Protein backbone atom coordinates (compact mmCIF):
# COMPACT_ATOMS: atom_id res chain seq x y z
CA MET A 1 0.15 -0.11 0.14
CA ALA A 2 2.87 2.34 0.84
CA PHE A 3 4.27 2.05 -3.00
CA LEU A 4 0.58 3.17 -4.66
CA SER A 5 -0.08 5.48 -1.91
CA LEU A 6 3.21 7.23 -2.95
CA VAL A 7 2.68 6.80 -6.81
CA ILE A 8 -1.04 8.37 -6.54
CA THR A 9 0.10 11.41 -4.10
CA LEU A 10 2.96 12.32 -6.27
CA LEU A 11 0.78 12.36 -9.68
CA LEU A 12 -2.40 14.28 -8.00
CA GLU A 13 0.43 16.74 -7.04
CA GLN A 14 1.13 17.51 -9.93
CA VAL A 15 -2.11 17.68 -11.61
CA ARG A 16 -3.30 19.94 -8.82
CA PRO A 17 -0.33 21.30 -6.47
CA LEU A 18 -1.45 22.41 -2.55
CA PRO A 19 -1.08 25.83 -1.96
CA ALA A 20 1.23 27.23 0.16
CA GLU A 21 -1.20 28.82 1.97
CA ASN A 22 -4.32 26.13 2.62
CA PRO A 23 -6.68 25.35 6.19
CA VAL A 24 -4.16 22.42 7.08
CA TYR A 25 -0.99 24.32 7.05
CA GLY A 26 -2.88 27.38 8.91
CA SER A 27 -4.02 24.81 11.75
CA VAL A 28 -0.70 23.47 12.47
CA ARG A 29 0.49 27.11 12.69
CA GLN A 30 -2.26 28.07 15.20
CA ILE A 31 -1.35 24.98 17.38
CA SER A 32 2.27 25.27 17.40
CA ALA A 33 1.62 28.42 18.13
CA TRP A 34 -0.65 27.93 21.20
CA ALA A 35 2.06 25.41 22.57
CA GLU A 36 4.44 27.79 22.55
CA ARG A 37 2.28 30.46 24.15
CA ASN A 38 0.98 28.29 27.02
CA LEU A 39 3.80 25.85 27.79
CA ASN A 40 6.61 27.80 27.45
CA ALA A 41 8.00 29.25 30.88
CA GLY A 42 11.85 28.90 29.07
CA ARG A 43 13.27 25.59 30.40
CA TRP A 44 14.21 22.34 28.54
CA GLN A 45 11.58 20.05 29.67
CA HIS A 46 8.56 22.58 28.97
CA GLY A 47 9.61 21.95 25.28
CA VAL A 48 9.76 17.99 25.89
CA TYR A 49 6.16 18.15 26.90
CA ALA A 50 5.23 20.21 23.72
CA TRP A 51 6.93 18.18 21.60
CA LEU A 52 5.00 15.39 23.15
CA LEU A 53 1.79 16.84 22.94
CA VAL A 54 1.99 18.70 19.27
CA VAL A 55 3.70 16.06 17.63
CA VAL A 56 3.21 12.62 18.76
CA GLY A 57 -0.10 13.61 20.08
CA LEU A 58 -1.22 14.56 16.45
CA ALA A 59 0.43 11.74 15.08
CA LEU A 60 -1.71 9.00 17.01
CA ILE A 61 -4.30 10.63 16.20
CA VAL A 62 -3.54 10.38 12.49
CA GLY A 63 -2.79 6.92 12.97
CA ALA A 64 -5.79 6.31 14.76
CA VAL A 65 -8.27 7.34 12.11
CA TYR A 66 -5.97 5.31 9.50
CA SER A 67 -6.24 2.06 11.68
CA ILE A 68 -10.03 2.43 11.97
CA ALA A 69 -10.33 3.32 8.03
CA VAL A 70 -8.01 -0.11 7.44
CA SER A 71 -10.58 -2.10 9.64
CA ILE A 72 -13.24 -1.13 7.31
CA HIS A 73 -11.64 -1.56 4.43
CA TRP A 74 -8.11 -1.27 2.43
CA LEU A 75 -9.36 1.22 0.12
CA LEU A 76 -10.51 4.00 2.82
CA GLY A 77 -6.90 3.25 4.30
CA LEU A 78 -5.19 4.07 1.07
CA ALA A 79 -7.38 7.09 0.99
CA VAL A 80 -5.96 8.07 4.60
CA ASN A 81 -2.61 7.89 3.25
CA VAL A 82 -3.36 9.58 -0.19
CA GLY A 83 -5.09 12.58 2.00
CA VAL A 84 -2.32 12.96 4.36
CA LEU A 85 0.73 12.86 1.74
CA PHE A 86 -1.03 15.30 -0.51
CA PHE A 87 -0.19 17.81 2.47
CA ALA A 88 2.95 16.46 3.50
CA LEU A 89 4.63 15.71 0.19
CA GLY A 90 5.45 17.23 -2.88
CA PHE A 91 8.41 18.94 -4.65
CA ARG A 92 5.26 21.46 -6.78
CA GLN A 93 3.78 22.22 -2.92
CA PHE A 94 6.62 24.97 -2.59
CA SER A 95 8.60 25.23 -6.49
CA HIS A 96 6.75 26.88 -8.23
CA ARG A 97 9.21 30.15 -6.65
CA GLY A 98 11.89 28.21 -8.46
CA THR A 99 10.12 28.22 -11.34
CA GLU A 100 9.65 31.68 -11.32
CA ILE A 101 13.28 32.94 -10.70
CA GLN A 102 14.12 30.35 -13.46
CA ILE A 103 11.80 31.89 -15.67
CA ALA A 104 12.75 35.62 -14.63
CA LEU A 105 16.67 34.94 -14.78
CA ALA A 106 15.87 33.24 -18.64
CA ASN A 107 13.96 37.05 -19.68
CA GLY A 108 16.93 38.78 -18.14
CA ASP A 109 14.77 40.14 -15.22
CA LEU A 110 17.55 40.05 -12.53
CA ILE A 111 15.02 42.48 -10.46
CA ALA A 112 12.04 40.16 -10.46
CA ALA A 113 14.23 36.66 -9.21
CA ARG A 114 15.36 38.83 -6.54
CA SER A 115 12.00 39.61 -5.68
CA GLU A 116 11.01 35.79 -5.84
CA LEU A 117 13.44 34.70 -3.95
CA THR A 118 13.05 37.17 -1.09
CA ALA A 119 9.18 36.22 -0.88
CA TRP A 120 10.29 32.06 -1.50
CA LYS A 121 12.95 32.65 1.39
CA ARG A 122 11.19 35.09 3.63
CA GLN A 123 8.71 32.25 4.38
CA SER A 124 10.89 30.84 6.88
CA ASP A 125 13.10 33.88 7.44
CA PRO A 126 10.72 36.97 7.61
CA THR A 127 13.87 39.41 7.57
CA TYR A 128 15.49 38.38 4.43
CA THR A 129 16.33 40.05 1.43
CA ALA A 130 18.03 39.01 -1.68
CA ALA A 131 18.39 43.17 -2.73
CA ASP A 132 21.63 43.04 -3.04
CA LEU A 133 22.82 40.09 -4.59
CA ASP A 134 24.14 39.27 -8.33
CA GLN A 135 22.80 36.90 -10.66
CA ASP A 136 25.20 33.93 -9.74
CA GLU A 137 24.41 33.89 -6.20
CA VAL A 138 20.48 34.36 -6.73
CA VAL A 139 21.17 31.04 -8.78
CA ARG A 140 23.05 29.69 -5.81
CA GLN A 141 20.54 30.34 -3.15
CA THR A 142 17.67 29.34 -5.01
CA ILE A 143 19.48 26.21 -5.55
CA GLU A 144 20.27 25.40 -2.01
CA HIS A 145 16.78 26.58 -1.09
CA GLY A 146 15.21 24.22 -3.06
CA LEU A 147 17.43 21.51 -2.25
CA LEU A 148 16.57 21.71 1.33
CA LEU A 149 13.15 22.01 0.73
CA SER A 150 13.08 18.92 -1.11
CA GLN A 151 14.75 17.06 1.52
CA ARG A 152 12.14 18.92 4.16
CA HIS A 153 8.95 17.79 1.72
CA VAL A 154 9.92 14.72 -0.54
CA PHE A 155 12.83 12.39 0.76
CA GLY A 156 12.24 12.92 4.47
CA VAL A 157 8.52 12.37 4.55
CA PHE A 158 9.00 9.28 1.97
CA PHE A 159 11.52 7.50 4.32
CA TRP A 160 9.36 8.17 7.47
CA PHE A 161 6.43 6.91 5.81
CA VAL A 162 7.89 3.84 4.74
CA VAL A 163 9.74 3.17 7.77
CA LEU A 164 6.67 3.89 10.28
CA PRO A 165 3.00 2.16 10.18
CA GLY A 166 0.57 4.41 8.09
CA PRO A 167 1.04 8.08 7.94
CA ILE A 168 2.43 8.07 11.59
CA GLY A 169 5.57 8.79 9.82
CA ALA A 170 5.08 11.16 7.80
CA VAL A 171 3.10 13.20 10.12
CA VAL A 172 5.77 13.00 12.83
CA TYR A 173 8.73 14.08 10.18
CA ARG A 174 6.45 17.11 8.92
CA LEU A 175 5.30 18.10 12.58
CA ALA A 176 8.90 17.64 13.91
CA GLU A 177 10.44 20.13 10.88
CA ARG A 178 7.77 22.43 11.81
CA VAL A 179 8.19 23.00 15.28
CA SER A 180 11.86 23.04 15.34
CA ARG A 181 11.35 26.07 12.82
CA ALA A 182 9.01 28.00 14.98
CA TRP A 183 10.49 27.00 18.36
CA ASN A 184 13.71 28.57 17.54
CA ARG A 185 12.98 31.42 15.26
CA PRO A 186 16.05 34.27 15.34
CA ALA A 187 15.63 36.83 18.48
CA VAL A 188 14.51 39.93 17.36
CA THR A 189 15.18 41.66 20.51
CA ALA A 190 18.59 41.73 22.55
CA THR A 191 17.00 39.13 25.16
CA PRO A 192 18.75 35.95 25.15
CA PRO A 193 16.57 33.11 23.41
CA ASP A 194 15.30 30.27 26.61
CA ARG A 195 15.37 26.66 26.21
CA PHE A 196 12.12 25.77 25.32
CA GLY A 197 13.09 25.13 21.32
CA ASP A 198 16.16 23.24 22.41
CA PHE A 199 14.82 19.79 22.49
CA ALA A 200 12.67 20.54 19.03
CA ARG A 201 16.03 21.25 17.38
CA ARG A 202 17.71 18.23 18.92
CA ALA A 203 14.65 15.83 18.03
CA PHE A 204 14.43 16.98 14.43
CA ALA A 205 18.32 16.69 13.89
CA TRP A 206 18.54 13.08 14.78
CA ILE A 207 15.05 12.14 12.57
CA ASP A 208 16.64 13.81 9.63
CA TRP A 209 19.90 11.87 10.51
CA ILE A 210 18.79 8.87 8.30
CA PRO A 211 16.95 10.49 5.54
CA ALA A 212 19.47 13.08 4.95
CA ARG A 213 22.38 10.00 4.53
CA LEU A 214 19.73 8.46 1.91
CA THR A 215 18.91 11.56 -0.34
CA SER A 216 22.94 12.21 -0.06
CA LEU A 217 23.50 8.76 -1.39
CA GLY A 218 20.83 9.14 -4.01
CA PHE A 219 22.26 12.29 -4.96
CA ALA A 220 25.92 10.22 -5.56
CA VAL A 221 24.38 7.41 -7.11
CA VAL A 222 22.45 9.26 -9.97
CA GLY A 223 25.27 12.06 -10.10
CA ASP A 224 29.02 12.31 -10.04
CA PHE A 225 29.32 9.69 -7.91
CA GLU A 226 33.41 9.88 -7.42
CA GLY A 227 32.59 14.06 -6.88
CA ALA A 228 29.65 13.52 -4.38
CA ILE A 229 31.81 10.99 -2.29
CA TYR A 230 35.02 13.27 -2.22
CA CYS A 231 32.78 16.28 -1.02
CA TRP A 232 31.18 13.78 1.27
CA ARG A 233 34.38 12.77 2.83
CA GLN A 234 35.04 16.32 3.46
CA VAL A 235 32.21 17.52 5.69
CA SER A 236 32.65 14.39 7.38
CA ARG A 237 35.13 15.64 9.30
CA GLN A 238 32.99 18.26 10.78
CA GLN A 239 33.13 17.73 14.68
CA PRO A 240 29.41 17.29 17.05
CA VAL A 241 28.54 20.65 18.46
CA ASN A 242 26.24 20.16 21.63
CA GLY A 243 25.49 16.60 21.02
CA LEU A 244 23.80 17.42 17.37
CA PRO A 245 24.98 14.95 14.74
CA ALA A 246 27.86 16.14 12.31
CA PRO A 247 27.51 16.87 9.53
CA ASP A 248 23.85 18.32 9.84
CA SER A 249 21.77 17.55 6.99
CA ARG A 250 22.04 21.23 5.62
CA THR A 251 25.64 20.46 5.44
CA LEU A 252 26.00 17.37 3.53
CA ILE A 253 23.09 17.62 1.12
CA LEU A 254 24.46 20.85 -0.30
CA ALA A 255 28.39 19.14 0.02
CA VAL A 256 27.03 15.74 -1.77
CA ALA A 257 24.80 17.62 -4.18
CA SER A 258 27.91 20.26 -4.78
CA GLY A 259 29.62 17.19 -5.68
CA ALA A 260 27.72 15.48 -7.82
CA LEU A 261 26.53 18.28 -10.12
CA ASN A 262 30.13 19.57 -9.62
CA LEU A 263 28.95 23.02 -8.58
CA ARG A 264 29.72 25.05 -5.87
CA LEU A 265 26.26 25.20 -3.75
CA MET A 266 28.08 26.61 -0.58
CA PRO A 267 28.17 29.80 0.39
CA ALA A 268 32.10 30.77 -0.32
CA VAL A 269 33.05 31.29 2.81
CA GLU A 270 31.78 27.77 3.77
CA SER A 271 32.85 25.99 0.67
CA ALA A 272 36.33 27.26 0.73
CA ARG A 273 36.58 25.66 4.94
CA TYR A 274 35.84 22.42 4.08
CA PHE A 275 36.63 22.19 0.01
CA ASP A 276 40.10 24.21 0.00
CA GLU A 277 43.09 22.06 -0.31
CA VAL A 278 46.91 22.84 -1.93
CA GLY A 279 46.46 21.89 -5.36
CA ASN A 280 42.57 21.55 -5.29
CA GLU A 281 41.10 24.83 -3.93
CA GLY A 282 37.38 24.75 -4.41
CA ALA A 283 37.42 20.74 -5.09
CA GLY A 284 36.58 21.84 -8.68
CA LEU A 285 33.72 22.96 -8.42
CA ALA A 286 32.56 25.50 -10.94
CA GLU A 287 29.94 28.79 -10.02
CA PRO A 288 26.71 27.88 -10.24
CA THR A 289 24.63 29.38 -13.54
CA ALA A 290 21.51 29.94 -14.67
CA PRO A 291 20.82 26.88 -16.78
CA ALA A 292 22.18 25.11 -13.41
CA LEU A 293 18.46 25.01 -11.85
CA ARG A 294 17.49 22.53 -14.20
CA ALA A 295 19.94 20.28 -13.66
CA VAL A 296 18.87 20.61 -9.93
CA VAL A 297 15.53 19.66 -10.78
CA GLY A 298 16.80 16.78 -13.08
CA LEU A 299 19.11 15.44 -9.65
CA VAL A 300 16.26 15.52 -7.96
CA TRP A 301 13.78 13.92 -9.64
CA ARG A 302 16.15 11.23 -10.56
CA THR A 303 16.75 10.37 -6.86
CA LEU A 304 12.74 10.27 -6.33
CA LEU A 305 12.69 7.73 -9.08
CA LEU A 306 15.80 5.78 -8.12
CA TRP A 307 13.76 5.71 -4.58
CA LEU A 308 10.59 4.69 -5.96
CA VAL A 309 12.14 2.16 -7.86
CA LEU A 310 13.94 0.48 -4.74
CA LEU A 311 10.33 0.60 -3.16
CA LEU A 312 8.81 -0.65 -5.64
CA LEU A 313 11.32 -3.88 -5.69
CA MET A 314 11.36 -4.13 -1.72
CA THR A 315 7.24 -4.69 -2.18
CA LEU A 316 7.12 -7.35 -5.12
CA ALA A 317 9.91 -8.93 -2.55
CA SER A 318 7.44 -8.99 -0.18
CA LEU A 319 4.69 -10.64 -1.50
CA PHE A 320 6.48 -13.06 -3.31
CA ALA A 321 8.80 -14.05 -0.63
C-alpha cells in the first residue's frame, strides 16, 4: 500500500499542487503557536512536553484514524494515506517560486528574480532580502533553498512514511520539522533566547539523520559518484557540537549535491572551509549559473525515481517471498 499511496499522491500533486496557504498548514501553525504560548516557561523540559503533545499527539490521532479506516476497508486506508501525504509530500507545493526565478533569469530580469527569491525565503526567515545579490548568488541561493526544501517535503517524508506504520511517519517528520523552526526563530530583541526550542531542534536533527544520508547517497548514485563521495568525506570531518549529529543535514546535502553536479552550492566561505586544499582549491567546483537550475531539478527527480524503484522492488519481494 505504501508504494501505491506514494505514486497516487505524486501524480495527484503534479495535476493539482497544494497551495502554500491552506487550512491544514494554518491549523498546524496555530497549534504550534498555542503550545509555545501556553507551555513555554523557558525551560528545556517544557519544550519536551510541548513536542510530545504536538508531534506525537497529532501523529497518534492520525494513526488512529488510519487504523479505523483500514479495519473497514483497505481502500479507505489508502484514501487516508493519500490524503495525509498530499499535505505532507510534494515538490510542487513550494517549487513554483523556483520556477518563477528560473523564468525571470531566462528573460534577463534580475530584479524580478531577486524579488521572487526574497518572497520565497521570507516564508521561513522574515528578515531575509536578496536585493543586493548578483545573478550567480541568486542562482546559488535558489538551488540551496530548493534542495533543502526537497529534503523536508519529499525525501524525509518518503523515508518515514515507509518506515513507520500508516501515515504516522509522514506526520511525525513534517510536524517535527515545523516545530523545530517555529520554536527556534531568530531573536528579535536583545533578550537571550530560552531553552524551550532546544529539544525540538535536537529531535528533528536526529529524525533527519538517516533520511539526509540516504538522500545524499541517492544524489551520488544518480550524479557524479566520485565527486559526491569526495565532498561527503570532506564535510564528514566536522565535529559534533552540543550533541547534534555532524555533519548536519543541510551541510551534507549541499556538499554531496555540489559534488554530484560539480557546482559550488555552499556559500563561498563555507565551501572554502571544507574544500580548499593545496593543489585542489574549491575541489574543482564550478560557479552555478542559470542553466544549473534545470540540472538540480533533474538531480532531485532522478533521485526520487531511484527511491520509487527501490520501494517497488522491496514491495514485490515481500509479496512473492
